[in-house]
PDB file of N, CA and C in Angstrom:
ATOM      1  N   MET A   1      15.222  -6.540  23.827  1.00  0.00           N
ATOM      2  CA  MET A   1      15.624  -7.869  23.220  1.00  0.00           C
ATOM      3  C   MET A   1      15.442  -7.092  21.650  1.00  0.00           C
ATOM      4  N   THR A   2      16.694  -7.538  20.894  1.00  0.00           N
ATOM      5  CA  THR A   2      16.464  -7.128  19.457  1.00  0.00           C
ATOM      6  C   THR A   2      16.363  -8.298  18.571  1.00  0.00           C
ATOM      7  N   ALA A   3      15.490  -7.639  17.606  1.00  0.00           N
ATOM      8  CA  ALA A   3      14.913  -8.771  16.622  1.00  0.00           C
ATOM      9  C   ALA A   3      16.115  -9.560  15.796  1.00  0.00           C
ATOM     10  N   PRO A   4      16.121 -10.666  15.118  1.00  0.00           N
ATOM     11  CA  PRO A   4      17.035 -11.088  14.187  1.00  0.00           C
ATOM     12  C   PRO A   4      17.122 -10.456  13.156  1.00  0.00           C
ATOM     13  N   SER A   5      18.593 -10.148  12.665  1.00  0.00           N
ATOM     14  CA  SER A   5      18.554  -9.324  11.499  1.00  0.00           C
ATOM     15  C   SER A   5      18.118 -10.494  10.050  1.00  0.00           C
ATOM     16  N   PRO A   6      17.812 -10.000   9.182  1.00  0.00           N
ATOM     17  CA  PRO A   6      17.500 -10.541   7.911  1.00  0.00           C
ATOM     18  C   PRO A   6      18.449 -10.982   7.570  1.00  0.00           C
ATOM     19  N   ALA A   7      18.619 -12.214   6.671  1.00  0.00           N
ATOM     20  CA  ALA A   7      19.839 -12.567   6.022  1.00  0.00           C
ATOM     21  C   ALA A   7      20.331 -11.642   5.209  1.00  0.00           C
ATOM     22  N   SER A   8      20.402 -10.772   4.599  1.00  0.00           N
ATOM     23  CA  SER A   8      20.865  -9.622   3.490  1.00  0.00           C
ATOM     24  C   SER A   8      21.791  -8.755   4.541  1.00  0.00           C
ATOM     25  N   SER A   9      21.395  -8.498   5.714  1.00  0.00           N
ATOM     26  CA  SER A   9      21.752  -7.384   7.079  1.00  0.00           C
ATOM     27  C   SER A   9      22.798  -7.695   7.792  1.00  0.00           C
ATOM     28  N   GLY A  10      23.388  -6.409   8.291  1.00  0.00           N
ATOM     29  CA  GLY A  10      24.003  -6.821   9.847  1.00  0.00           C
ATOM     30  C   GLY A  10      23.587  -6.039  10.520  1.00  0.00           C
ATOM     31  N   THR A  11      22.287  -5.149  10.354  1.00  0.00           N
ATOM     32  CA  THR A  11      21.822  -4.181  11.030  1.00  0.00           C
ATOM     33  C   THR A  11      20.301  -4.932  11.649  1.00  0.00           C
ATOM     34  N   PRO A  12      20.192  -4.710  13.178  1.00  0.00           N
ATOM     35  CA  PRO A  12      19.007  -5.216  13.083  1.00  0.00           C
ATOM     36  C   PRO A  12      17.631  -5.335  12.832  1.00  0.00           C
ATOM     37  N   ASP A  13      16.970  -6.070  12.748  1.00  0.00           N
ATOM     38  CA  ASP A  13      15.985  -5.931  11.890  1.00  0.00           C
ATOM     39  C   ASP A  13      14.469  -5.294  12.756  1.00  0.00           C
ATOM     40  N   THR A  14      14.423  -4.073  12.769  1.00  0.00           N
ATOM     41  CA  THR A  14      13.456  -3.355  13.692  1.00  0.00           C
ATOM     42  C   THR A  14      11.885  -3.850  13.441  1.00  0.00           C
ATOM     43  N   LEU A  15      11.799  -4.306  12.187  1.00  0.00           N
ATOM     44  CA  LEU A  15      10.317  -4.625  11.868  1.00  0.00           C
ATOM     45  C   LEU A  15       9.849  -5.790  12.001  1.00  0.00           C
ATOM     46  N   PHE A  16      10.758  -6.392  12.241  1.00  0.00           N
ATOM     47  CA  PHE A  16       9.999  -8.149  12.515  1.00  0.00           C
ATOM     48  C   PHE A  16       9.575  -8.481  13.905  1.00  0.00           C
ATOM     49  N   GLY A  17       8.216  -9.049  13.732  1.00  0.00           N
ATOM     50  CA  GLY A  17       7.770  -9.303  14.804  1.00  0.00           C
ATOM     51  C   GLY A  17       6.231  -9.090  14.545  1.00  0.00           C
ATOM     52  N   ARG A  18       5.300  -9.438  15.912  1.00  0.00           N
ATOM     53  CA  ARG A  18       4.073  -9.196  15.753  1.00  0.00           C
ATOM     54  C   ARG A  18       3.650  -8.252  15.988  1.00  0.00           C
ATOM     55  N   MET A  19       2.313  -7.496  15.789  1.00  0.00           N
ATOM     56  CA  MET A  19       2.258  -6.283  16.780  1.00  0.00           C
ATOM     57  C   MET A  19       0.938  -6.662  17.275  1.00  0.00           C
ATOM     58  N   ASN A  20       0.798  -6.236  18.629  1.00  0.00           N
ATOM     59  CA  ASN A  20      -0.471  -6.362  19.502  1.00  0.00           C
ATOM     60  C   ASN A  20      -1.981  -5.652  18.993  1.00  0.00           C
ATOM     61  N   ASP A  21      -1.609  -4.321  18.447  1.00  0.00           N
ATOM     62  CA  ASP A  21      -3.051  -3.897  17.900  1.00  0.00           C
ATOM     63  C   ASP A  21      -2.947  -3.003  16.675  1.00  0.00           C
ATOM     64  N   PRO A  22      -2.822  -3.833  15.589  1.00  0.00           N
ATOM     65  CA  PRO A  22      -2.869  -3.379  14.220  1.00  0.00           C
ATOM     66  C   PRO A  22      -4.145  -2.699  13.841  1.00  0.00           C
ATOM     67  N   SER A  23      -4.357  -1.562  13.017  1.00  0.00           N
ATOM     68  CA  SER A  23      -5.673  -1.372  12.494  1.00  0.00           C
ATOM     69  C   SER A  23      -5.706  -2.498  11.071  1.00  0.00           C
ATOM     70  N   ALA A  24      -4.892  -3.109  10.701  1.00  0.00           N
ATOM     71  CA  ALA A  24      -4.790  -4.243   9.787  1.00  0.00           C
ATOM     72  C   ALA A  24      -4.177  -5.425   9.953  1.00  0.00           C
ATOM     73  N   SER A  25      -4.260  -6.571   9.604  1.00  0.00           N
ATOM     74  CA  SER A  25      -3.465  -7.437   9.261  1.00  0.00           C
ATOM     75  C   SER A  25      -3.951  -8.609   7.821  1.00  0.00           C
ATOM     76  N   ALA A  26      -2.684  -9.237   7.387  1.00  0.00           N
ATOM     77  CA  ALA A  26      -2.751 -10.418   7.083  1.00  0.00           C
ATOM     78  C   ALA A  26      -1.490 -11.517   7.227  1.00  0.00           C
ATOM     79  N   PHE A  27      -2.626 -12.906   6.589  1.00  0.00           N
ATOM     80  CA  PHE A  27      -1.610 -13.908   6.873  1.00  0.00           C
ATOM     81  C   PHE A  27      -1.725 -14.661   5.111  1.00  0.00           C
ATOM     82  N   LEU A  28      -0.890 -15.427   4.802  1.00  0.00           N
ATOM     83  CA  LEU A  28      -0.778 -16.084   3.670  1.00  0.00           C
ATOM     84  C   LEU A  28       0.264 -17.164   3.920  1.00  0.00           C
ATOM     85  N   LYS A  29       0.109 -18.394   3.388  1.00  0.00           N
ATOM     86  CA  LYS A  29       0.668 -19.181   3.130  1.00  0.00           C
ATOM     87  C   LYS A  29       1.215 -19.429   1.556  1.00  0.00           C
ATOM     88  N   GLY A  30       2.641 -19.286   1.428  1.00  0.00           N
ATOM     89  CA  GLY A  30       2.995 -19.723  -0.005  1.00  0.00           C
ATOM     90  C   GLY A  30       3.007 -21.069  -0.432  1.00  0.00           C
ATOM     91  N   PRO A  31       3.177 -21.121  -1.926  1.00  0.00           N
ATOM     92  CA  PRO A  31       3.462 -22.344  -2.492  1.00  0.00           C
ATOM     93  C   PRO A  31       4.300 -23.341  -1.829  1.00  0.00           C
ATOM     94  N   CYS A  32       5.117 -22.890  -1.076  1.00  0.00           N
ATOM     95  CA  CYS A  32       6.521 -23.426  -0.677  1.00  0.00           C
ATOM     96  C   CYS A  32       6.245 -24.154   0.636  1.00  0.00           C
ATOM     97  N   GLY A  33       5.191 -23.636   1.224  1.00  0.00           N
ATOM     98  CA  GLY A  33       4.961 -23.994   2.685  1.00  0.00           C
ATOM     99  C   GLY A  33       5.067 -23.157   3.496  1.00  0.00           C
ATOM    100  N   ASP A  34       6.126 -21.810   3.045  1.00  0.00           N
ATOM    101  CA  ASP A  34       6.575 -20.770   4.190  1.00  0.00           C
ATOM    102  C   ASP A  34       4.966 -19.747   4.597  1.00  0.00           C
ATOM    103  N   GLU A  35       4.948 -19.623   5.832  1.00  0.00           N
ATOM    104  CA  GLU A  35       3.913 -18.678   6.009  1.00  0.00           C
ATOM    105  C   GLU A  35       4.376 -17.483   6.577  1.00  0.00           C
ATOM    106  N   MET A  36       3.593 -16.207   5.874  1.00  0.00           N
ATOM    107  CA  MET A  36       3.952 -14.892   6.385  1.00  0.00           C
ATOM    108  C   MET A  36       2.744 -13.910   6.900  1.00  0.00           C
ATOM    109  N   GLU A  37       2.929 -13.371   7.905  1.00  0.00           N
ATOM    110  CA  GLU A  37       1.943 -12.369   7.965  1.00  0.00           C
ATOM    111  C   GLU A  37       2.408 -10.898   8.241  1.00  0.00           C
ATOM    112  N   PHE A  38       1.537  -9.945   7.944  1.00  0.00           N
ATOM    113  CA  PHE A  38       2.222  -8.435   8.186  1.00  0.00           C
ATOM    114  C   PHE A  38       1.015  -7.508   8.665  1.00  0.00           C
ATOM    115  N   TYR A  39       1.427  -6.792   9.623  1.00  0.00           N
ATOM    116  CA  TYR A  39       0.925  -6.384  10.578  1.00  0.00           C
ATOM    117  C   TYR A  39       0.808  -4.520  10.134  1.00  0.00           C
ATOM    118  N   LEU A  40      -0.280  -3.673   9.870  1.00  0.00           N
ATOM    119  CA  LEU A  40      -0.240  -2.295   9.886  1.00  0.00           C
ATOM    120  C   LEU A  40      -0.808  -1.569  10.771  1.00  0.00           C
ATOM    121  N   VAL A  41      -0.369  -0.290  10.806  1.00  0.00           N
ATOM    122  CA  VAL A  41      -1.005   0.510  11.287  1.00  0.00           C
ATOM    123  C   VAL A  41      -1.192   1.833  10.501  1.00  0.00           C
ATOM    124  N   VAL A  42      -2.370   2.106  10.110  1.00  0.00           N
ATOM    125  CA  VAL A  42      -2.747   3.271   9.204  1.00  0.00           C
ATOM    126  C   VAL A  42      -3.689   4.468   9.611  1.00  0.00           C
ATOM    127  N   ARG A  43      -3.037   5.753   9.294  1.00  0.00           N
ATOM    128  CA  ARG A  43      -3.898   6.656   9.365  1.00  0.00           C
ATOM    129  C   ARG A  43      -4.029   7.758   8.928  1.00  0.00           C
ATOM    130  N   ASP A  44      -5.027   8.281   8.647  1.00  0.00           N
ATOM    131  CA  ASP A  44      -4.744   9.186   7.180  1.00  0.00           C
ATOM    132  C   ASP A  44      -4.243   9.006   6.000  1.00  0.00           C
ATOM    133  N   GLY A  45      -4.478   7.602   5.710  1.00  0.00           N
ATOM    134  CA  GLY A  45      -3.989   7.056   4.345  1.00  0.00           C
ATOM    135  C   GLY A  45      -2.381   6.786   3.989  1.00  0.00           C
ATOM    136  N   ARG A  46      -1.761   6.741   5.145  1.00  0.00           N
ATOM    137  CA  ARG A  46      -0.455   7.062   5.358  1.00  0.00           C
ATOM    138  C   ARG A  46      -0.153   5.236   6.505  1.00  0.00           C
ATOM    139  N   ILE A  47       0.731   4.742   5.888  1.00  0.00           N
ATOM    140  CA  ILE A  47       0.710   3.418   7.032  1.00  0.00           C
ATOM    141  C   ILE A  47       2.096   3.744   7.863  1.00  0.00           C
ATOM    142  N   GLU A  48       1.674   4.044   8.855  1.00  0.00           N
ATOM    143  CA  GLU A  48       2.420   4.665   9.980  1.00  0.00           C
ATOM    144  C   GLU A  48       3.366   3.487  10.467  1.00  0.00           C
ATOM    145  N   ASP A  49       3.268   2.402  10.408  1.00  0.00           N
ATOM    146  CA  ASP A  49       4.004   1.747  11.492  1.00  0.00           C
ATOM    147  C   ASP A  49       3.734   0.038  10.478  1.00  0.00           C
ATOM    148  N   VAL A  50       4.622  -0.853  10.617  1.00  0.00           N
ATOM    149  CA  VAL A  50       4.499  -2.334   9.782  1.00  0.00           C
ATOM    150  C   VAL A  50       5.111  -3.254  10.195  1.00  0.00           C
ATOM    151  N   ARG A  51       4.790  -4.291  10.544  1.00  0.00           N
ATOM    152  CA  ARG A  51       5.454  -5.497  11.301  1.00  0.00           C
ATOM    153  C   ARG A  51       5.451  -6.427  10.109  1.00  0.00           C
ATOM    154  N   TYR A  52       6.063  -7.576  10.154  1.00  0.00           N
ATOM    155  CA  TYR A  52       5.709  -8.660   9.559  1.00  0.00           C
ATOM    156  C   TYR A  52       6.494  -9.771  10.073  1.00  0.00           C
ATOM    157  N   TYR A  53       5.854 -10.840  10.313  1.00  0.00           N
ATOM    158  CA  TYR A  53       6.310 -12.242  10.644  1.00  0.00           C
ATOM    159  C   TYR A  53       6.556 -13.544  10.542  1.00  0.00           C
ATOM    160  N   THR A  54       7.637 -14.105   9.822  1.00  0.00           N
ATOM    161  CA  THR A  54       7.787 -15.403   8.979  1.00  0.00           C
ATOM    162  C   THR A  54       8.949 -16.208   9.965  1.00  0.00           C
ATOM    163  N   GLU A  55       8.627 -17.432   9.950  1.00  0.00           N
ATOM    164  CA  GLU A  55       9.332 -18.727  10.409  1.00  0.00           C
ATOM    165  C   GLU A  55      10.010 -19.262   8.843  1.00  0.00           C
ATOM    166  N   GLY A  56       9.919 -18.609   8.121  1.00  0.00           N
ATOM    167  CA  GLY A  56      10.080 -19.215   6.783  1.00  0.00           C
ATOM    168  C   GLY A  56      11.943 -19.183   6.731  1.00  0.00           C
ATOM    169  N   CYS A  57      12.041 -19.847   4.928  1.00  0.00           N
ATOM    170  CA  CYS A  57      13.530 -19.456   4.793  1.00  0.00           C
ATOM    171  C   CYS A  57      14.275 -18.313   4.390  1.00  0.00           C
ATOM    172  N   GLY A  58      15.458 -17.782   4.872  1.00  0.00           N
ATOM    173  CA  GLY A  58      16.215 -16.840   4.723  1.00  0.00           C
ATOM    174  C   GLY A  58      15.954 -15.983   3.692  1.00  0.00           C
ATOM    175  N   SER A  59      15.667 -16.411   2.150  1.00  0.00           N
ATOM    176  CA  SER A  59      14.892 -15.481   1.332  1.00  0.00           C
ATOM    177  C   SER A  59      13.298 -15.136   1.606  1.00  0.00           C
ATOM    178  N   THR A  60      12.740 -15.984   2.209  1.00  0.00           N
ATOM    179  CA  THR A  60      11.267 -15.378   2.669  1.00  0.00           C
ATOM    180  C   THR A  60      11.525 -13.978   3.505  1.00  0.00           C
ATOM    181  N   ARG A  61      12.554 -14.341   4.527  1.00  0.00           N
ATOM    182  CA  ARG A  61      12.423 -13.208   5.193  1.00  0.00           C
ATOM    183  C   ARG A  61      13.354 -11.937   4.622  1.00  0.00           C
ATOM    184  N   ARG A  62      14.045 -12.309   3.974  1.00  0.00           N
ATOM    185  CA  ARG A  62      14.745 -11.028   3.339  1.00  0.00           C
ATOM    186  C   ARG A  62      13.832 -10.347   2.651  1.00  0.00           C
ATOM    187  N   CYS A  63      12.928 -11.145   1.767  1.00  0.00           N
ATOM    188  CA  CYS A  63      11.615 -10.289   0.813  1.00  0.00           C
ATOM    189  C   CYS A  63      10.790  -9.526   2.199  1.00  0.00           C
ATOM    190  N   ALA A  64      10.454 -10.176   2.889  1.00  0.00           N
ATOM    191  CA  ALA A  64       9.415  -9.527   3.756  1.00  0.00           C
ATOM    192  C   ALA A  64      10.184  -7.942   4.487  1.00  0.00           C
ATOM    193  N   ALA A  65      11.366  -8.480   4.980  1.00  0.00           N
ATOM    194  CA  ALA A  65      12.103  -7.276   5.336  1.00  0.00           C
ATOM    195  C   ALA A  65      12.142  -6.240   4.022  1.00  0.00           C
ATOM    196  N   ALA A  66      12.683  -6.612   3.464  1.00  0.00           N
ATOM    197  CA  ALA A  66      12.602  -5.108   2.139  1.00  0.00           C
ATOM    198  C   ALA A  66      11.292  -4.367   1.990  1.00  0.00           C
ATOM    199  N   VAL A  67       9.958  -5.599   1.830  1.00  0.00           N
ATOM    200  CA  VAL A  67       8.563  -4.886   1.738  1.00  0.00           C
ATOM    201  C   VAL A  67       8.382  -4.312   2.657  1.00  0.00           C
ATOM    202  N   ALA A  68       8.501  -4.420   3.942  1.00  0.00           N
ATOM    203  CA  ALA A  68       8.132  -3.681   4.992  1.00  0.00           C
ATOM    204  C   ALA A  68       8.959  -2.370   5.183  1.00  0.00           C
ATOM    205  N   GLN A  69      10.518  -2.271   4.873  1.00  0.00           N
ATOM    206  CA  GLN A  69      10.925  -1.448   4.758  1.00  0.00           C
ATOM    207  C   GLN A  69      10.425  -0.066   3.730  1.00  0.00           C
ATOM    208  N   ARG A  70      10.032  -0.972   2.780  1.00  0.00           N
ATOM    209  CA  ARG A  70       9.110   0.282   1.457  1.00  0.00           C
ATOM    210  C   ARG A  70       8.067   0.769   1.892  1.00  0.00           C
ATOM    211  N   ALA A  71       6.950  -0.263   2.857  1.00  0.00           N
ATOM    212  CA  ALA A  71       5.983   0.215   3.165  1.00  0.00           C
ATOM    213  C   ALA A  71       5.658   1.287   4.055  1.00  0.00           C
ATOM    214  N   LYS A  72       6.719   1.222   5.110  1.00  0.00           N
ATOM    215  CA  LYS A  72       6.560   1.888   6.049  1.00  0.00           C
ATOM    216  C   LYS A  72       6.370   3.548   5.981  1.00  0.00           C
ATOM    217  N   GLY A  73       5.814   4.305   6.312  1.00  0.00           N
ATOM    218  CA  GLY A  73       5.875   5.420   5.997  1.00  0.00           C
ATOM    219  C   GLY A  73       5.349   5.942   4.890  1.00  0.00           C
ATOM    220  N   ALA A  74       5.022   5.084   3.796  1.00  0.00           N
ATOM    221  CA  ALA A  74       4.125   5.043   2.389  1.00  0.00           C
ATOM    222  C   ALA A  74       2.609   5.495   2.448  1.00  0.00           C
ATOM    223  N   THR A  75       2.214   6.030   1.477  1.00  0.00           N
ATOM    224  CA  THR A  75       0.839   6.147   1.453  1.00  0.00           C
ATOM    225  C   THR A  75       0.406   4.679   1.225  1.00  0.00           C
ATOM    226  N   VAL A  76      -1.003   4.456   1.187  1.00  0.00           N
ATOM    227  CA  VAL A  76      -1.417   2.978   1.095  1.00  0.00           C
ATOM    228  C   VAL A  76      -1.531   3.071  -0.375  1.00  0.00           C
ATOM    229  N   LEU A  77      -1.606   4.040  -1.577  1.00  0.00           N
ATOM    230  CA  LEU A  77      -1.410   4.116  -2.687  1.00  0.00           C
ATOM    231  C   LEU A  77      -0.102   3.448  -2.969  1.00  0.00           C
ATOM    232  N   ASP A  78       0.507   4.538  -2.457  1.00  0.00           N
ATOM    233  CA  ASP A  78       2.225   4.252  -3.012  1.00  0.00           C
ATOM    234  C   ASP A  78       2.615   2.703  -2.865  1.00  0.00           C
ATOM    235  N   ALA A  79       2.024   2.093  -1.411  1.00  0.00           N
ATOM    236  CA  ALA A  79       2.757   0.781  -1.281  1.00  0.00           C
ATOM    237  C   ALA A  79       1.650  -0.059  -2.011  1.00  0.00           C
ATOM    238  N   LEU A  80       0.780   0.304  -2.534  1.00  0.00           N
ATOM    239  CA  LEU A  80      -0.151  -0.435  -3.645  1.00  0.00           C
ATOM    240  C   LEU A  80       0.833  -0.494  -5.117  1.00  0.00           C
ATOM    241  N   ALA A  81       1.404   0.696  -5.503  1.00  0.00           N
ATOM    242  CA  ALA A  81       2.442   0.468  -6.475  1.00  0.00           C
ATOM    243  C   ALA A  81       3.354  -0.702  -6.487  1.00  0.00           C
ATOM    244  N   LEU A  82       3.813  -0.928  -5.319  1.00  0.00           N
ATOM    245  CA  LEU A  82       5.354  -1.885  -4.952  1.00  0.00           C
ATOM    246  C   LEU A  82       5.020  -3.143  -5.821  1.00  0.00           C
ATOM    247  N   ASN A  83       5.724  -3.787  -6.593  1.00  0.00           N
ATOM    248  CA  ASN A  83       5.613  -4.979  -6.881  1.00  0.00           C
ATOM    249  C   ASN A  83       6.676  -6.267  -6.496  1.00  0.00           C
ATOM    250  N   PRO A  84       6.882  -7.333  -6.884  1.00  0.00           N
ATOM    251  CA  PRO A  84       7.748  -8.217  -6.793  1.00  0.00           C
ATOM    252  C   PRO A  84       9.071  -7.754  -7.215  1.00  0.00           C
ATOM    253  N   ARG A  85       9.333  -7.496  -8.228  1.00  0.00           N
ATOM    254  CA  ARG A  85      10.246  -7.003  -9.132  1.00  0.00           C
ATOM    255  C   ARG A  85      11.259  -6.030  -8.337  1.00  0.00           C
ATOM    256  N   ASP A  86      10.400  -4.843  -7.689  1.00  0.00           N
ATOM    257  CA  ASP A  86      11.360  -3.927  -6.874  1.00  0.00           C
ATOM    258  C   ASP A  86      11.877  -4.599  -5.962  1.00  0.00           C
ATOM    259  N   VAL A  87      11.436  -5.725  -5.197  1.00  0.00           N
ATOM    260  CA  VAL A  87      12.308  -6.436  -4.167  1.00  0.00           C
ATOM    261  C   VAL A  87      13.185  -7.434  -4.699  1.00  0.00           C
ATOM    262  N   ILE A  88      13.127  -8.027  -5.977  1.00  0.00           N
ATOM    263  CA  ILE A  88      14.123  -8.770  -6.350  1.00  0.00           C
ATOM    264  C   ILE A  88      15.243  -8.099  -7.033  1.00  0.00           C
ATOM    265  N   VAL A  89      14.974  -6.642  -7.474  1.00  0.00           N
ATOM    266  CA  VAL A  89      16.390  -6.096  -8.094  1.00  0.00           C
ATOM    267  C   VAL A  89      16.874  -5.578  -6.941  1.00  0.00           C
ATOM    268  N   ALA A  90      16.152  -5.150  -5.600  1.00  0.00           N
ATOM    269  CA  ALA A  90      16.683  -4.718  -4.509  1.00  0.00           C
ATOM    270  C   ALA A  90      17.504  -5.391  -4.128  1.00  0.00           C
ATOM    271  N   GLU A  91      17.144  -6.923  -3.802  1.00  0.00           N
ATOM    272  CA  GLU A  91      17.859  -7.694  -3.237  1.00  0.00           C
ATOM    273  C   GLU A  91      18.561  -8.798  -4.167  1.00  0.00           C
ATOM    274  N   SER A  92      19.594  -8.270  -5.020  1.00  0.00           N
ATOM    275  CA  SER A  92      20.295  -8.583  -6.037  1.00  0.00           C
ATOM    276  C   SER A  92      20.965 -10.072  -6.099  1.00  0.00           C
ATOM    277  N   ASP A  93      20.710 -10.160  -5.121  1.00  0.00           N
ATOM    278  CA  ASP A  93      21.607 -11.507  -4.674  1.00  0.00           C
ATOM    279  C   ASP A  93      20.747 -12.612  -4.544  1.00  0.00           C
ATOM    280  N   LEU A  94      19.525 -12.190  -4.598  1.00  0.00           N
ATOM    281  CA  LEU A  94      18.352 -13.337  -4.499  1.00  0.00           C
ATOM    282  C   LEU A  94      18.408 -13.961  -5.488  1.00  0.00           C
ATOM    283  N   PRO A  95      18.450 -15.579  -5.333  1.00  0.00           N
ATOM    284  CA  PRO A  95      18.567 -16.299  -6.266  1.00  0.00           C
ATOM    285  C   PRO A  95      17.220 -16.384  -6.811  1.00  0.00           C
ATOM    286  N   ALA A  96      17.086 -16.679  -8.248  1.00  0.00           N
ATOM    287  CA  ALA A  96      15.826 -16.987  -9.063  1.00  0.00           C
ATOM    288  C   ALA A  96      14.614 -17.910  -8.496  1.00  0.00           C
ATOM    289  N   ALA A  97      15.011 -18.910  -7.302  1.00  0.00           N
ATOM    290  CA  ALA A  97      14.231 -20.039  -6.612  1.00  0.00           C
ATOM    291  C   ALA A  97      13.641 -19.209  -5.488  1.00  0.00           C
ATOM    292  N   GLY A  98      14.314 -18.277  -5.046  1.00  0.00           N
ATOM    293  CA  GLY A  98      13.499 -17.362  -4.082  1.00  0.00           C
ATOM    294  C   GLY A  98      12.620 -16.401  -4.358  1.00  0.00           C
ATOM    295  N   TRP A  99      12.510 -16.205  -5.954  1.00  0.00           N
ATOM    296  CA  TRP A  99      11.518 -15.060  -6.477  1.00  0.00           C
ATOM    297  C   TRP A  99      10.058 -15.214  -5.753  1.00  0.00           C
ATOM    298  N   HIS A 100       9.786 -16.348  -5.668  1.00  0.00           N
ATOM    299  CA  HIS A 100       8.278 -16.624  -5.361  1.00  0.00           C
ATOM    300  C   HIS A 100       8.216 -16.138  -3.799  1.00  0.00           C
ATOM    301  N   CYS A 101       9.438 -15.687  -3.358  1.00  0.00           N
ATOM    302  CA  CYS A 101       9.380 -15.035  -1.741  1.00  0.00           C
ATOM    303  C   CYS A 101       9.071 -13.939  -1.788  1.00  0.00           C
ATOM    304  N   ALA A 102       9.413 -13.098  -2.782  1.00  0.00           N
ATOM    305  CA  ALA A 102       9.036 -11.547  -3.083  1.00  0.00           C
ATOM    306  C   ALA A 102       7.536 -11.875  -3.604  1.00  0.00           C
ATOM    307  N   ILE A 103       7.171 -12.457  -4.279  1.00  0.00           N
ATOM    308  CA  ILE A 103       5.405 -12.633  -4.872  1.00  0.00           C
ATOM    309  C   ILE A 103       5.043 -12.694  -3.503  1.00  0.00           C
ATOM    310  N   LEU A 104       5.251 -13.479  -2.493  1.00  0.00           N
ATOM    311  CA  LEU A 104       4.810 -14.055  -1.633  1.00  0.00           C
ATOM    312  C   LEU A 104       4.394 -12.695  -0.310  1.00  0.00           C
ATOM    313  N   ALA A 105       5.666 -11.887  -0.226  1.00  0.00           N
ATOM    314  CA  ALA A 105       5.846 -10.926   0.608  1.00  0.00           C
ATOM    315  C   ALA A 105       4.804  -9.879   0.005  1.00  0.00           C
ATOM    316  N   ILE A 106       4.955  -9.398  -1.108  1.00  0.00           N
ATOM    317  CA  ILE A 106       3.655  -8.032  -1.698  1.00  0.00           C
ATOM    318  C   ILE A 106       2.459  -8.799  -1.654  1.00  0.00           C
ATOM    319  N   SER A 107       2.004 -10.037  -1.698  1.00  0.00           N
ATOM    320  CA  SER A 107       1.000 -10.413  -1.817  1.00  0.00           C
ATOM    321  C   SER A 107       0.358 -10.423  -0.209  1.00  0.00           C
ATOM    322  N   THR A 108       1.215 -10.539   0.626  1.00  0.00           N
ATOM    323  CA  THR A 108       1.073 -10.661   2.063  1.00  0.00           C
ATOM    324  C   THR A 108       0.540  -9.199   2.286  1.00  0.00           C
ATOM    325  N   LEU A 109       1.256  -8.221   2.181  1.00  0.00           N
ATOM    326  CA  LEU A 109       0.943  -6.564   2.161  1.00  0.00           C
ATOM    327  C   LEU A 109      -0.110  -6.043   1.737  1.00  0.00           C
ATOM    328  N   PHE A 110      -0.295  -6.786   0.450  1.00  0.00           N
ATOM    329  CA  PHE A 110      -1.120  -6.328  -0.554  1.00  0.00           C
ATOM    330  C   PHE A 110      -2.660  -6.758   0.151  1.00  0.00           C
ATOM    331  N   ARG A 111      -2.645  -7.728   1.167  1.00  0.00           N
ATOM    332  CA  ARG A 111      -3.903  -8.621   1.665  1.00  0.00           C
ATOM    333  C   ARG A 111      -4.482  -7.798   2.919  1.00  0.00           C
ATOM    334  N   ALA A 112      -2.846  -7.244   3.486  1.00  0.00           N
ATOM    335  CA  ALA A 112      -3.318  -6.667   4.755  1.00  0.00           C
ATOM    336  C   ALA A 112      -3.920  -5.124   4.120  1.00  0.00           C
ATOM    337  N   ILE A 113      -3.261  -4.568   3.320  1.00  0.00           N
ATOM    338  CA  ILE A 113      -3.982  -3.162   3.121  1.00  0.00           C
ATOM    339  C   ILE A 113      -5.273  -3.373   2.367  1.00  0.00           C
ATOM    340  N   ALA A 114      -5.677  -4.508   1.677  1.00  0.00           N
ATOM    341  CA  ALA A 114      -7.204  -4.447   1.574  1.00  0.00           C
ATOM    342  C   ALA A 114      -7.765  -4.826   3.138  1.00  0.00           C
ATOM    343  N   ASP A 115      -7.475  -5.478   3.607  1.00  0.00           N
ATOM    344  CA  ASP A 115      -7.873  -5.448   5.196  1.00  0.00           C
ATOM    345  C   ASP A 115      -8.414  -3.982   5.379  1.00  0.00           C
ATOM    346  N   HIS A 116      -7.513  -3.483   5.340  1.00  0.00           N
ATOM    347  CA  HIS A 116      -7.935  -1.887   5.997  1.00  0.00           C
ATOM    348  C   HIS A 116      -8.755  -1.123   5.217  1.00  0.00           C
ATOM    349  N   LEU A 117      -8.351  -1.171   3.775  1.00  0.00           N
ATOM    350  CA  LEU A 117      -9.778  -0.841   3.049  1.00  0.00           C
ATOM    351  C   LEU A 117     -10.760  -1.362   3.235  1.00  0.00           C
ATOM    352  N   LEU A 118     -10.941  -2.424   3.644  1.00  0.00           N
ATOM    353  CA  LEU A 118     -12.308  -3.225   3.804  1.00  0.00           C
ATOM    354  C   LEU A 118     -13.214  -2.456   5.295  1.00  0.00           C
ATOM    355  N   GLN A 119     -12.573  -1.896   5.810  1.00  0.00           N
ATOM    356  CA  GLN A 119     -12.514  -2.041   7.174  1.00  0.00           C
ATOM    357  C   GLN A 119     -13.279  -0.002   7.212  1.00  0.00           C
ATOM    358  N   ARG A 120     -13.199   0.496   6.045  1.00  0.00           N
ATOM    359  CA  ARG A 120     -13.709   1.750   5.893  1.00  0.00           C
ATOM    360  C   ARG A 120     -14.751   1.854   5.507  1.00  0.00           C
TER     361      ARG A 120
END
C-alpha cells in the first residue's frame, strides 16, 4: 500500500507513517490543534530513517514531509541546524497562515532528536 502524497507533491510520500521500533520519537500538538509525530532511527550520529505522522491540514502535512526529507540521512547536528524558514522558503506557495505548521514540524523533529540525545 502506498502512502498518500503530501499536498504539494505528485509522488508517493514514503516517509509518511508510524514506525514500529524507532530509536527516538516525539509527539507535539500545535496551537491550531494539529498533532504531529516524528520517529527516528539514529546510528552513529546520523538519522538513517525518519517517519512522520499527522492527521493535520495540508499545510501541516507538507511541512512535515519537507522536514522529514531534509532530516533523512543528515547528521543529528545538521538536523538541529534546520529552521522553519528553510521549510517556508522551500514550500514557496505555503500561505502565511500555514507558517506555524513549519514551526510545528521543526519543533517535533527537535523533540525527537532530544529524545535520542537523552537516551545516550
